[in-house]
């Protein structure tokens, strides 16, 4: 019993680490701020509960019932067997993107210990106009006092040392092919941490998940408490949180909320399928999913409120609106956050706390995706399974070498910026495909029977309804997001190519299978349920077959009983009429 509880705790921590990531601190706060903080918090909470729980529950049930990873699960039909392999490629791309961003976050964490902090001062990399904001009295009077709408006020943010440190020293905007060696060092430190978390597989992962799941929540709680103690909170918090719902009523889009929740929980990425494949057959996946989603919801609310309050001291000092600060064309994690924390009391402490939290969140996704890929590979190769430490080292070395080209201007622009905006589109597409294949095509009733057989409890009507509604919402969100990105395709051409190529590969593979099946006269088998799909062990397969037979027998007896009862009822009525 004690071992079962320990494994369940580990299962929840693994799911939680997979769900909390960089999107909690970048996309979700930005969407909330642009569309109204308080209104988005309410809708995020409702979406997490009514969409997130059913979808995460569905993915954990599928993999836990069959004990198959994302490759084998999609072999339910021959026409979808290629989807799992494409998901592995997609997970590799997510790992590269996430590791690239986290390497920059690790660098910011390391330099936050320096005094003075490099991005608060002008260096040899800066321009002559660096920090003119504080050095020039006319600039302060015209731009901050807002007495004159001087033309140079619009581009004033380009003179901020935070802006110039990121653009000219790290990304090297002037030398677009150069790579900062400090980022390579930060990437190496990250690879060492990933190795220590995965080199003994589950035994080392167990200790890493405790830290990675607990520390970000504790660190953000400290930042929130510190933000409440800063100057200007009392005067600006109502504007920052949008208490009057002005922004929310003008700009709210439900599709944005649905997409961010699905992406944040990892729905459609295949990682949940892989991680749940190792769970024991009788693990209570519904309660685990509920606990994970509720904690993730609270953490998302915590990050949104903290981000909103972080703008208040800055807005108070310069008598500006928090909304205006968030609209400045600067990157949030690397330019706006240092800019806002500069006006905190004890800013060094809050810099270290904030960026350590950001790095831990990025490391969460790195570790989970890397461990997941290793696990998939070890199940298909005895040599990889035999030498876990060596394969983990080689994998980290390969990750370090592959991500180096992305640490320059072109890498950030082509891979991280453009690709990031299209990641959500593809994951929503896969999540929608999951609902179509495993709920609609396979059948909600048959899926419910699998859950009943596995857990001993039949899914309630509300869960079945939530699955159907989730499918509809995902379809609506995918169509909305696709239409939005088609309009921006000229601006985001590289990201569009990345996603288009992957979706195109899926479609071409599907067409190729249909053509081959038509030539070999096996077209009907292409769309038939694979008879071997289900639990891997023979004992469970026989038990599932017996369970189906018993269910059919009970259904037959139930119908016979009702038929006889109906005949007897009609006989009584006819006898009464004759009398």
Protein backbone atom coordinates (compact mmCIF):
# COMPACT_ATOMS: atom_id res chain seq x y z
CA UNK A 1 0.00 0.00 0.00
CA UNK A 2 2.84 2.36 0.90
CA UNK A 3 4.62 1.66 -2.44
CA UNK A 4 1.35 2.36 -4.30
CA UNK A 5 1.01 5.73 -2.56
CA UNK A 6 4.63 6.61 -3.35
CA UNK A 7 4.18 5.76 -7.01
CA UNK A 8 0.96 7.74 -7.15
CA UNK A 9 2.72 10.75 -5.66
CA UNK A 10 5.48 10.39 -8.25
CA UNK A 11 2.89 10.07 -11.01
CA UNK A 12 1.21 13.33 -9.94
CA UNK A 13 4.57 15.13 -9.74
CA UNK A 14 5.56 13.92 -13.22
CA UNK A 15 2.22 15.05 -14.65
CA UNK A 16 2.56 18.39 -12.87
CA UNK A 17 6.10 18.97 -14.19
CA UNK A 18 4.84 18.21 -17.68
CA UNK A 19 2.02 20.76 -17.32
CA UNK A 20 3.85 23.74 -15.84
CA UNK A 21 6.35 25.33 -18.19
CA UNK A 22 7.48 28.53 -19.90
CA UNK A 23 3.99 29.17 -21.29
CA UNK A 24 2.89 29.93 -17.71
CA UNK A 25 5.19 32.95 -17.65
CA UNK A 26 5.07 34.12 -21.28
CA UNK A 27 1.94 33.33 -23.30
CA UNK A 28 -0.70 33.09 -20.55
CA UNK A 29 0.20 36.38 -18.75
CA UNK A 30 0.53 38.20 -22.08
CA UNK A 31 -2.86 36.98 -23.32
CA UNK A 32 -4.45 37.89 -19.99
CA UNK A 33 -2.94 41.38 -19.99
CA UNK A 34 -3.93 42.12 -23.58
CA UNK A 35 -7.52 40.92 -23.08
CA UNK A 36 -8.21 41.95 -19.47
CA UNK A 37 -6.61 40.27 -16.46
CA UNK A 38 -9.56 39.63 -14.14
CA UNK A 39 -11.92 38.43 -16.88
CA UNK A 40 -9.26 36.11 -18.34
CA UNK A 41 -8.54 34.65 -14.90
CA UNK A 42 -12.20 33.68 -14.57
CA UNK A 43 -12.32 32.12 -18.04
CA UNK A 44 -8.95 30.42 -17.63
CA UNK A 45 -10.22 28.78 -14.43
CA UNK A 46 -13.43 27.58 -16.08
CA UNK A 47 -11.56 26.30 -19.15
CA UNK A 48 -9.01 24.43 -17.05
CA UNK A 49 -11.82 22.69 -15.15
CA UNK A 50 -14.29 21.96 -17.96
CA UNK A 51 -11.80 21.41 -20.81
CA UNK A 52 -8.44 20.62 -19.22
CA UNK A 53 -9.57 17.89 -16.83
CA UNK A 54 -11.51 15.81 -19.43
CA UNK A 55 -8.73 16.07 -22.03
CA UNK A 56 -5.89 15.22 -19.63
CA UNK A 57 -8.03 12.39 -18.21
CA UNK A 58 -8.64 11.07 -21.73
CA UNK A 59 -4.92 11.00 -22.59
CA UNK A 60 -3.88 9.32 -19.32
CA UNK A 61 -6.65 6.72 -19.68
CA UNK A 62 -5.70 5.82 -23.26
CA UNK A 63 -2.04 5.22 -22.44
CA UNK A 64 -2.61 3.68 -19.02
CA UNK A 65 -5.22 1.24 -20.38
CA UNK A 66 -2.97 0.02 -23.19
CA UNK A 67 0.47 0.57 -21.59
CA UNK A 68 1.55 1.96 -24.96
CA UNK A 69 3.49 5.14 -25.73
CA UNK A 70 2.50 7.74 -28.34
CA UNK A 71 3.83 5.60 -31.21
CA UNK A 72 1.93 2.41 -30.34
CA UNK A 73 -1.25 4.16 -29.20
CA UNK A 74 -1.81 5.64 -32.67
CA UNK A 75 -1.66 2.15 -34.20
CA UNK A 76 -5.32 1.76 -33.23
CA UNK A 77 -6.06 2.06 -36.99
CA UNK A 78 -3.60 1.38 -39.80
CA UNK A 79 -4.41 4.75 -41.37
CA UNK A 80 -3.24 6.62 -38.23
CA UNK A 81 -0.17 4.53 -37.39
CA UNK A 82 2.18 7.21 -38.80
CA UNK A 83 0.96 9.94 -36.45
CA UNK A 84 3.02 8.65 -33.50
CA UNK A 85 6.31 8.95 -35.41
CA UNK A 86 5.50 12.52 -36.45
CA UNK A 87 4.76 13.32 -32.79
CA UNK A 88 8.27 12.14 -31.86
CA UNK A 89 9.72 14.59 -34.41
CA UNK A 90 7.46 17.28 -32.97
CA UNK A 91 8.68 16.54 -29.42
CA UNK A 92 12.28 16.92 -30.60
CA UNK A 93 11.43 20.35 -32.05
CA UNK A 94 9.70 21.35 -28.79
CA UNK A 95 12.79 20.24 -26.84
CA UNK A 96 15.10 22.31 -29.09
CA UNK A 97 12.87 25.39 -28.85
CA UNK A 98 12.44 25.10 -25.09
CA UNK A 99 16.14 24.46 -24.46
CA UNK A 100 17.10 27.50 -26.54
CA UNK A 101 14.84 29.82 -24.53
CA UNK A 102 15.81 28.27 -21.19
CA UNK A 103 19.51 28.75 -21.99
CA UNK A 104 18.94 32.51 -22.21
CA UNK A 105 16.94 32.39 -18.95
CA UNK A 106 19.79 30.51 -17.26
CA UNK A 107 22.21 33.19 -18.46
CA UNK A 108 20.01 35.92 -16.96
CA UNK A 109 19.91 33.98 -13.69
CA UNK A 110 23.70 33.67 -13.56
CA UNK A 111 24.37 37.36 -14.27
CA UNK A 112 21.73 38.42 -11.70
CA UNK A 113 24.33 37.55 -9.03
CA UNK A 114 26.80 40.10 -10.45
CA UNK A 115 27.17 43.63 -9.11
CA UNK A 116 26.38 45.79 -10.99
CA UNK A 117 24.00 43.71 -13.06
CA UNK A 118 25.20 43.94 -16.72
CA UNK A 119 21.80 44.73 -18.27
CA UNK A 120 21.31 47.74 -15.97
CA UNK A 121 24.45 49.50 -17.25
CA UNK A 122 25.76 50.61 -20.64
CA UNK A 123 28.72 48.58 -21.92
CA UNK A 124 30.96 48.44 -25.00
CA UNK A 125 28.07 46.75 -26.85
CA UNK A 126 25.70 49.72 -26.35
CA UNK A 127 25.10 52.75 -28.58
CA UNK A 128 25.82 56.42 -27.83
CA UNK A 129 22.16 56.97 -26.90
CA UNK A 130 22.18 54.22 -24.28
CA UNK A 131 20.29 55.26 -21.14
CA UNK A 132 19.57 58.76 -22.48
CA UNK A 133 16.30 58.33 -20.62
CA UNK A 134 18.04 59.17 -17.33
CA UNK A 135 20.94 61.29 -18.61
CA UNK A 136 19.04 63.88 -20.63
CA UNK A 137 16.77 66.34 -18.83
CA UNK A 138 14.87 67.28 -22.03
CA UNK A 139 13.99 63.65 -22.71
CA UNK A 140 12.66 63.25 -19.20
CA UNK A 141 10.65 66.46 -19.43
CA UNK A 142 9.16 65.85 -22.89
CA UNK A 143 8.59 62.11 -22.85
CA UNK A 144 7.89 61.32 -19.22
CA UNK A 145 6.20 64.61 -18.37
CA UNK A 146 4.27 64.26 -21.65
CA UNK A 147 4.30 68.00 -22.24
CA UNK A 148 5.32 67.56 -25.88
CA UNK A 149 4.77 64.67 -28.27
CA UNK A 150 8.39 64.67 -29.46
CA UNK A 151 9.09 62.17 -32.33
CA UNK A 152 12.02 60.58 -30.50
CA UNK A 153 9.70 59.55 -27.63
CA UNK A 154 8.18 56.76 -29.72
CA UNK A 155 11.50 54.92 -30.06
CA UNK A 156 12.73 55.76 -26.58
CA UNK A 157 12.62 52.11 -25.51
CA UNK A 158 15.48 51.34 -27.93
CA UNK A 159 17.82 53.38 -25.69
CA UNK A 160 17.09 51.30 -22.57
CA UNK A 161 20.16 49.31 -21.43
CA UNK A 162 17.95 46.22 -20.97
CA UNK A 163 16.91 46.46 -24.62
CA UNK A 164 20.43 47.01 -25.91
CA UNK A 165 21.96 44.26 -23.76
CA UNK A 166 19.51 41.72 -25.18
CA UNK A 167 19.64 42.91 -28.79
CA UNK A 168 23.30 43.90 -29.19
CA UNK A 169 25.21 41.83 -26.62
CA UNK A 170 23.34 38.49 -26.57
CA UNK A 171 21.37 38.16 -29.80
CA UNK A 172 23.96 40.37 -31.60
CA UNK A 173 21.63 42.23 -33.92
CA UNK A 174 24.60 43.94 -35.61
CA UNK A 175 26.47 40.64 -36.13
CA UNK A 176 23.62 38.32 -37.08
CA UNK A 177 25.70 35.14 -37.31
CA UNK A 178 27.71 35.60 -34.08
CA UNK A 179 27.00 33.47 -31.01
CA UNK A 180 27.59 34.68 -27.45
CA UNK A 181 29.83 32.19 -25.60
CA UNK A 182 28.04 32.96 -22.33
CA UNK A 183 24.82 31.44 -23.71
CA UNK A 184 26.73 28.29 -24.69
CA UNK A 185 27.99 28.11 -21.11
CA UNK A 186 24.43 28.46 -19.77
CA UNK A 187 23.29 25.74 -22.18
CA UNK A 188 26.06 23.45 -20.88
CA UNK A 189 24.93 24.02 -17.28
CA UNK A 190 21.37 23.13 -18.30
CA UNK A 191 22.54 19.93 -20.01
CA UNK A 192 24.35 18.90 -16.83
CA UNK A 193 21.16 19.43 -14.80
CA UNK A 194 19.13 17.43 -17.35
CA UNK A 195 21.70 14.63 -17.16
CA UNK A 196 21.56 14.53 -13.36
CA UNK A 197 17.75 14.35 -13.55
CA UNK A 198 17.63 11.49 -16.07
CA UNK A 199 20.83 9.42 -15.89
CA UNK A 200 19.22 6.79 -13.64
CA UNK A 201 15.84 7.17 -15.28
CA UNK A 202 13.02 6.93 -12.73
CA UNK A 203 15.27 6.84 -9.66
CA UNK A 204 16.93 10.17 -10.46
CA UNK A 205 13.76 11.67 -11.97
CA UNK A 206 11.96 11.11 -8.66
CA UNK A 207 14.20 13.60 -6.83
CA UNK A 208 14.22 16.11 -9.67
CA UNK A 209 10.41 16.26 -9.88
CA UNK A 210 10.09 17.23 -6.21
CA UNK A 211 12.24 20.32 -6.75
CA UNK A 212 10.93 21.21 -10.23
CA UNK A 213 7.27 20.97 -9.16
CA UNK A 214 7.54 22.76 -5.80
CA UNK A 215 10.18 25.46 -6.31
CA UNK A 216 8.47 27.54 -9.07
CA UNK A 217 5.26 27.77 -7.01
CA UNK A 218 7.20 28.80 -3.89
CA UNK A 219 9.37 31.30 -5.80
CA UNK A 220 6.42 32.95 -7.52
CA UNK A 221 4.62 33.22 -4.18
CA UNK A 222 7.65 35.14 -2.85
CA UNK A 223 7.64 37.45 -5.90
CA UNK A 224 3.88 38.07 -5.48
CA UNK A 225 4.34 38.91 -1.79
CA UNK A 226 7.23 41.23 -2.64
CA UNK A 227 5.20 42.94 -5.37
CA UNK A 228 2.43 43.69 -2.88
CA UNK A 229 4.96 45.52 -0.70
CA UNK A 230 6.26 47.84 -3.44
CA UNK A 231 5.38 51.49 -3.97
CA UNK A 232 2.55 52.26 -6.34
CA UNK A 233 0.56 49.05 -5.83
CA UNK A 234 -2.27 50.87 -4.05
CA UNK A 235 -2.62 53.42 -6.85
CA UNK A 236 -2.22 51.17 -9.89
CA UNK A 237 -3.50 47.68 -9.02
CA UNK A 238 -7.08 48.39 -10.18
CA UNK A 239 -5.82 49.42 -13.64
CA UNK A 240 -3.41 46.48 -13.82
CA UNK A 241 -6.05 43.88 -12.93
CA UNK A 242 -8.77 45.52 -15.09
CA UNK A 243 -11.39 45.59 -12.35
CA UNK A 244 -13.87 47.43 -14.56
CA UNK A 245 -13.57 44.80 -17.38
CA UNK A 246 -12.95 47.50 -20.02
CA UNK A 247 -10.22 45.61 -21.90
CA UNK A 248 -11.96 42.27 -21.40
CA UNK A 249 -15.20 43.41 -23.00
CA UNK A 250 -13.35 44.78 -26.07
CA UNK A 251 -10.70 42.17 -26.84
CA UNK A 252 -11.71 38.84 -25.30
CA UNK A 253 -11.34 35.75 -27.55
CA UNK A 254 -12.44 32.35 -26.23
CA UNK A 255 -10.26 30.54 -28.77
CA UNK A 256 -7.15 32.14 -27.22
CA UNK A 257 -8.05 30.75 -23.79
CA UNK A 258 -8.81 27.24 -25.13
CA UNK A 259 -5.56 27.11 -27.11
CA UNK A 260 -3.37 28.25 -24.21
CA UNK A 261 -4.96 25.83 -21.74
CA UNK A 262 -4.59 22.84 -24.09
CA UNK A 263 -1.01 23.78 -24.93
CA UNK A 264 -0.07 24.47 -21.32
CA UNK A 265 -1.31 21.04 -20.20
CA UNK A 266 0.59 19.36 -23.04
CA UNK A 267 -2.56 18.06 -24.71
CA UNK A 268 -1.73 16.75 -28.18
CA UNK A 269 2.06 16.76 -27.72
CA UNK A 270 2.20 13.02 -26.99
CA UNK A 271 4.27 13.55 -23.83
CA UNK A 272 1.36 12.68 -21.51
CA UNK A 273 0.76 9.47 -23.47
CA UNK A 274 4.40 8.45 -23.04
CA UNK A 275 4.63 9.32 -19.35
CA UNK A 276 1.34 7.58 -18.48
CA UNK A 277 2.31 4.39 -20.34
CA UNK A 278 4.48 3.34 -17.38
CA UNK A 279 1.69 3.79 -14.81
CA UNK A 280 0.21 0.71 -13.12
CA UNK A 281 -3.05 -0.51 -14.61
CA UNK A 282 -5.23 0.46 -11.63
CA UNK A 283 -3.74 3.92 -10.97
CA UNK A 284 -6.61 6.37 -10.23
CA UNK A 285 -6.01 8.55 -13.27
CA UNK A 286 -9.13 10.74 -12.83
CA UNK A 287 -8.16 11.97 -9.36
CA UNK A 288 -4.54 12.40 -10.48
CA UNK A 289 -5.66 14.49 -13.45
CA UNK A 290 -7.95 16.61 -11.26
CA UNK A 291 -5.17 17.28 -8.71
CA UNK A 292 -2.69 18.15 -11.46
CA UNK A 293 -5.07 20.49 -13.31
CA UNK A 294 -6.18 22.27 -10.12
CA UNK A 295 -2.57 22.94 -9.06
CA UNK A 296 -1.74 24.10 -12.60
CA UNK A 297 -4.79 26.40 -12.53
CA UNK A 298 -3.72 27.98 -9.25
CA UNK A 299 -0.18 28.44 -10.57
CA UNK A 300 -1.44 30.10 -13.77
CA UNK A 301 -3.60 32.48 -11.70
CA UNK A 302 -0.57 33.19 -9.49
CA UNK A 303 1.64 34.04 -12.49
CA UNK A 304 -1.01 36.24 -14.14
CA UNK A 305 -1.66 38.27 -10.98
CA UNK A 306 2.06 38.59 -10.21
CA UNK A 307 2.84 39.76 -13.75
CA UNK A 308 0.06 42.36 -13.54
CA UNK A 309 1.31 43.66 -10.20
CA UNK A 310 4.91 43.81 -11.44
CA UNK A 311 3.88 46.66 -13.77
CA UNK A 312 2.54 48.81 -10.91
CA UNK A 313 5.79 50.20 -9.40
CA UNK A 314 7.07 51.12 -12.89
CA UNK A 315 3.73 52.72 -13.85
CA UNK A 316 3.67 54.63 -10.55
CA UNK A 317 7.19 56.05 -10.94
CA UNK A 318 6.52 57.38 -14.47
CA UNK A 319 2.81 58.08 -14.04
CA UNK A 320 1.88 55.75 -16.88
CA UNK A 321 -0.71 53.03 -17.43
CA UNK A 322 0.27 49.37 -16.83
CA UNK A 323 -1.29 48.49 -20.18
CA UNK A 324 1.05 50.90 -21.98
CA UNK A 325 4.10 49.21 -20.44
CA UNK A 326 3.01 45.78 -21.68
CA UNK A 327 2.42 47.14 -25.20
CA UNK A 328 6.02 48.35 -25.63
CA UNK A 329 7.67 46.36 -28.41
CA UNK A 330 10.15 44.59 -26.16
CA UNK A 331 10.43 40.90 -25.30
CA UNK A 332 8.67 40.17 -22.03
CA UNK A 333 11.11 37.75 -20.35
CA UNK A 334 14.39 39.41 -21.32
CA UNK A 335 13.61 43.14 -21.53
CA UNK A 336 10.35 44.05 -19.79
CA UNK A 337 10.83 41.96 -16.64
CA UNK A 338 14.32 43.41 -15.84
CA UNK A 339 12.94 46.86 -16.64
CA UNK A 340 10.05 46.48 -14.19
CA UNK A 341 12.12 44.84 -11.44
CA UNK A 342 14.62 47.72 -11.56
CA UNK A 343 12.14 49.84 -9.58
CA UNK A 344 11.70 47.24 -6.84
CA UNK A 345 13.26 47.64 -3.43
CA UNK A 346 15.86 44.83 -3.01
CA UNK A 347 15.81 44.34 -6.77
CA UNK A 348 18.78 41.93 -6.73
CA UNK A 349 16.86 39.50 -4.54
CA UNK A 350 13.77 39.63 -6.74
CA UNK A 351 15.85 39.32 -9.92
CA UNK A 352 17.46 36.12 -8.64
CA UNK A 353 14.14 34.74 -7.39
CA UNK A 354 12.29 35.55 -10.60
CA UNK A 355 14.87 34.17 -13.01
CA UNK A 356 15.52 31.08 -10.90
CA UNK A 357 11.78 30.42 -11.12
CA UNK A 358 11.80 30.98 -14.89
CA UNK A 359 14.79 28.65 -15.32
CA UNK A 360 13.14 25.95 -13.20
CA UNK A 361 10.00 26.15 -15.34
CA UNK A 362 12.04 25.81 -18.53
CA UNK A 363 13.97 22.92 -16.98
CA UNK A 364 10.65 21.19 -16.18
CA UNK A 365 9.79 20.89 -19.87
CA UNK A 366 13.38 20.05 -20.83
CA UNK A 367 13.59 17.18 -18.35
CA UNK A 368 10.13 15.76 -19.09
CA UNK A 369 10.51 15.80 -22.89
CA UNK A 370 14.10 14.50 -22.77
CA UNK A 371 13.15 11.70 -20.35
CA UNK A 372 10.16 10.85 -22.50
CA UNK A 373 12.29 10.55 -25.67
CA UNK A 374 14.82 8.38 -23.84
CA UNK A 375 12.04 6.14 -22.56
CA UNK A 376 10.56 5.70 -26.05
CA UNK A 377 14.01 4.86 -27.45
CA UNK A 378 14.86 2.41 -24.64
CA UNK A 379 11.65 0.45 -25.24
CA UNK A 380 12.75 -0.16 -28.83
CA UNK A 381 16.45 -0.80 -28.28
CA UNK A 382 17.98 -3.19 -25.75
CA UNK A 383 21.35 -1.44 -25.93
CA UNK A 384 19.85 1.93 -24.96
CA UNK A 385 17.94 0.27 -22.10
CA UNK A 386 21.12 -1.50 -20.93
CA UNK A 387 23.24 1.66 -20.67
CA UNK A 388 20.91 4.44 -19.38
CA UNK A 389 23.70 6.68 -18.10
CA UNK A 390 25.72 6.55 -21.32
CA UNK A 391 22.70 7.16 -23.59
CA UNK A 392 21.62 10.05 -21.37
CA UNK A 393 25.09 11.61 -21.65
CA UNK A 394 25.18 11.18 -25.43
CA UNK A 395 21.65 12.62 -25.73
CA UNK A 396 22.60 15.71 -23.71
CA UNK A 397 25.79 16.19 -25.72
CA UNK A 398 23.77 16.01 -28.94
CA UNK A 399 21.21 18.48 -27.52
CA UNK A 400 24.01 20.89 -26.59
CA UNK A 401 25.61 20.75 -30.06
CA UNK A 402 22.36 21.02 -32.03
CA UNK A 403 21.08 24.09 -30.14
CA UNK A 404 24.30 26.15 -30.53
CA UNK A 405 23.31 27.54 -33.99
CA UNK A 406 20.06 28.88 -32.51
CA UNK A 407 21.86 31.21 -30.08
CA UNK A 408 22.24 34.01 -32.65
CA UNK A 409 19.91 36.50 -34.31
CA UNK A 410 18.80 34.17 -37.10
CA UNK A 411 18.22 31.27 -34.72
CA UNK A 412 16.10 33.34 -32.37
CA UNK A 413 14.13 34.89 -35.23
CA UNK A 414 13.58 31.83 -37.38
CA UNK A 415 13.26 29.12 -34.77
CA UNK A 416 12.08 30.53 -31.46
CA UNK A 417 10.03 33.62 -32.35
CA UNK A 418 8.23 32.34 -35.47
CA UNK A 419 8.05 28.70 -34.38
CA UNK A 420 6.67 29.63 -30.94
CA UNK A 421 3.59 31.25 -32.47
CA UNK A 422 2.79 28.11 -34.48
CA UNK A 423 3.44 25.46 -31.84
CA UNK A 424 -0.05 25.98 -30.45
CA UNK A 425 -1.69 25.50 -33.86
CA UNK A 426 -0.16 22.06 -34.34
CA UNK A 427 -0.81 20.85 -30.78
CA UNK A 428 -4.45 21.93 -31.07
CA UNK A 429 -4.67 20.04 -34.38
CA UNK A 430 -3.34 16.84 -32.77
CA UNK A 431 -5.62 17.25 -29.74
CA UNK A 432 -8.60 17.60 -32.09
CA UNK A 433 -7.41 14.50 -34.01
CA UNK A 434 -7.20 12.57 -30.73
CA UNK A 435 -10.82 13.40 -29.94
CA UNK A 436 -11.92 12.37 -33.45
CA UNK A 437 -10.06 9.03 -33.41
CA UNK A 438 -10.40 7.90 -29.79
CA UNK A 439 -13.84 9.31 -28.96
CA UNK A 440 -15.84 9.67 -32.17
CA UNK A 441 -14.37 6.90 -34.36
CA UNK A 442 -13.53 4.39 -31.61
CA UNK A 443 -16.75 5.38 -29.86
CA UNK A 444 -17.50 7.03 -26.52
CA UNK A 445 -19.39 3.94 -25.36
CA UNK A 446 -16.52 1.55 -26.11
CA UNK A 447 -14.04 4.00 -24.58
CA UNK A 448 -16.22 4.13 -21.45
CA UNK A 449 -16.20 0.33 -21.28
CA UNK A 450 -12.39 0.39 -21.33
CA UNK A 451 -12.38 2.85 -18.43
CA UNK A 452 -14.95 0.71 -16.57
CA UNK A 453 -12.80 -2.40 -17.07
CA UNK A 454 -9.60 -0.62 -16.03
CA UNK A 455 -10.79 1.30 -12.97
CA UNK A 456 -13.89 -0.67 -11.99
CA UNK A 457 -16.01 2.50 -12.21
CA UNK A 458 -17.95 3.57 -15.29
CA UNK A 459 -17.41 7.21 -16.38
CA UNK A 460 -20.31 9.40 -15.37
CA UNK A 461 -22.56 11.15 -17.86
CA UNK A 462 -20.93 14.53 -17.12
CA UNK A 463 -17.48 13.18 -18.11
CA UNK A 464 -18.83 11.80 -21.41
CA UNK A 465 -20.56 15.12 -22.11
CA UNK A 466 -17.34 17.00 -21.29
CA UNK A 467 -15.40 14.85 -23.78
CA UNK A 468 -17.86 15.69 -26.55
CA UNK A 469 -17.92 19.42 -25.72
CA UNK A 470 -14.12 19.46 -25.56
CA UNK A 471 -13.95 18.03 -29.08
CA UNK A 472 -16.25 20.79 -30.35
CA UNK A 473 -14.25 23.53 -28.59
CA UNK A 474 -10.95 22.21 -29.94
CA UNK A 475 -12.36 22.15 -33.48
CA UNK A 476 -13.60 25.73 -33.14
CA UNK A 477 -10.27 26.92 -31.70
CA UNK A 478 -8.24 25.19 -34.41
CA UNK A 479 -10.30 26.79 -37.20
CA UNK A 480 -10.02 30.21 -35.55
CA UNK A 481 -6.27 29.91 -35.02
CA UNK A 482 -5.70 28.62 -38.56
CA UNK A 483 -7.61 31.56 -40.02
CA UNK A 484 -5.61 33.96 -37.82
CA UNK A 485 -2.25 32.51 -38.91
CA UNK A 486 -3.14 32.45 -42.57
CA UNK A 487 -3.59 36.21 -42.37
CA UNK A 488 -0.17 36.59 -40.72
CA UNK A 489 1.63 34.06 -42.91
CA UNK A 490 3.68 36.76 -44.63
CA UNK A 491 4.98 38.03 -41.27
CA UNK A 492 5.63 34.58 -39.78
CA UNK A 493 6.84 32.77 -42.86
CA UNK A 494 9.44 30.51 -41.21
CA UNK A 495 7.11 29.26 -38.50
CA UNK A 496 4.41 28.73 -41.12
CA UNK A 497 6.79 26.58 -43.17
CA UNK A 498 7.72 24.49 -40.12
CA UNK A 499 4.13 23.67 -39.20
CA UNK A 500 3.00 23.35 -42.82
CA UNK A 501 5.74 20.82 -43.59
CA UNK A 502 4.82 18.64 -40.58
CA UNK A 503 1.07 18.74 -41.26
CA UNK A 504 1.83 18.16 -44.96
CA UNK A 505 3.86 15.06 -44.05
CA UNK A 506 0.91 13.71 -42.08
CA UNK A 507 -1.49 14.29 -44.98
CA UNK A 508 0.90 12.83 -47.58
CA UNK A 509 1.50 9.75 -45.41
CA UNK A 510 -2.25 9.27 -45.08
CA UNK A 511 -2.80 9.63 -48.86
CA UNK A 512 0.10 7.28 -49.55
CA UNK A 513 -1.42 4.63 -47.30
CA UNK A 514 -4.78 4.92 -49.05
CA UNK A 515 -3.16 4.57 -52.50
CA UNK A 516 -1.09 1.56 -51.40
CA UNK A 517 -4.11 -0.09 -49.76
CA UNK A 518 -6.18 0.46 -52.92
CA UNK A 519 -3.45 -1.11 -55.08
CA UNK A 520 -3.12 -4.14 -52.79
CA UNK A 521 -6.92 -4.38 -52.41
CA UNK A 522 -6.77 -3.92 -48.62
CA UNK A 523 -8.62 -0.62 -48.41
CA UNK A 524 -11.22 -1.95 -45.96
CA UNK A 525 -8.51 -3.09 -43.51
CA UNK A 526 -6.99 0.39 -43.52
CA UNK A 527 -9.97 1.82 -41.62
CA UNK A 528 -10.68 -1.17 -39.37
CA UNK A 529 -9.85 -1.27 -35.68
CA UNK A 530 -6.63 -3.17 -35.02
CA UNK A 531 -7.70 -6.34 -33.14
CA UNK A 532 -4.44 -6.35 -31.14
CA UNK A 533 -4.96 -2.78 -29.89
CA UNK A 534 -5.62 -2.68 -26.16
CA UNK A 535 -3.76 -4.00 -23.09
CA UNK A 536 -0.40 -5.47 -24.01
CA UNK A 537 -0.39 -8.43 -21.62
CA UNK A 538 -2.27 -11.56 -22.64
CA UNK A 539 -4.01 -11.88 -19.26
CA UNK A 540 -5.47 -8.38 -19.53
CA UNK A 541 -6.51 -8.97 -23.14
CA UNK A 542 -8.44 -12.10 -22.14
CA UNK A 543 -9.96 -10.30 -19.15
CA UNK A 544 -11.07 -7.45 -21.41
CA UNK A 545 -12.66 -9.92 -23.84
CA UNK A 546 -14.48 -11.66 -20.98
CA UNK A 547 -15.59 -8.28 -19.67
CA UNK A 548 -17.10 -7.47 -23.09
CA UNK A 549 -18.81 -10.86 -23.25
CA UNK A 550 -20.29 -10.36 -19.78
CA UNK A 551 -21.45 -6.87 -20.72
CA UNK A 552 -23.07 -8.21 -23.90
CA UNK A 553 -24.70 -11.05 -21.95
CA UNK A 554 -26.08 -8.62 -19.38
CA UNK A 555 -27.34 -6.36 -22.15
CA UNK A 556 -28.99 -9.35 -23.87
CA UNK A 557 -30.63 -10.48 -20.60
CA UNK A 558 -31.75 -6.93 -19.87
CA UNK A 559 -33.37 -6.61 -23.30
CA UNK A 560 -35.02 -10.05 -22.99
CA UNK A 561 -36.41 -9.07 -19.61
CA UNK A 562 -37.87 -5.85 -21.01
CA UNK A 563 -39.27 -7.71 -24.02
CA UNK A 564 -41.03 -10.26 -21.81
CA UNK A 565 -42.25 -7.52 -19.48
CA UNK A 566 -43.69 -5.66 -22.47
CA UNK A 567 -45.45 -8.80 -23.75
CA UNK A 568 -46.96 -9.50 -20.34
CA UNK A 569 -48.08 -5.89 -20.02
CA UNK A 570 -49.83 -5.99 -23.40
CA UNK A 571 -51.47 -9.32 -22.50
CA UNK A 572 -52.87 -7.86 -19.27
CA UNK A 573 -54.20 -4.83 -21.12
CA UNK A 574 -55.86 -7.02 -23.77
CA UNK A 575 -57.37 -9.30 -21.09
CA UNK A 576 -58.74 -6.31 -19.23
CA UNK A 577 -60.20 -4.91 -22.46
CA UNK A 578 -61.92 -8.26 -23.31
CA UNK A 579 -63.45 -8.49 -19.86
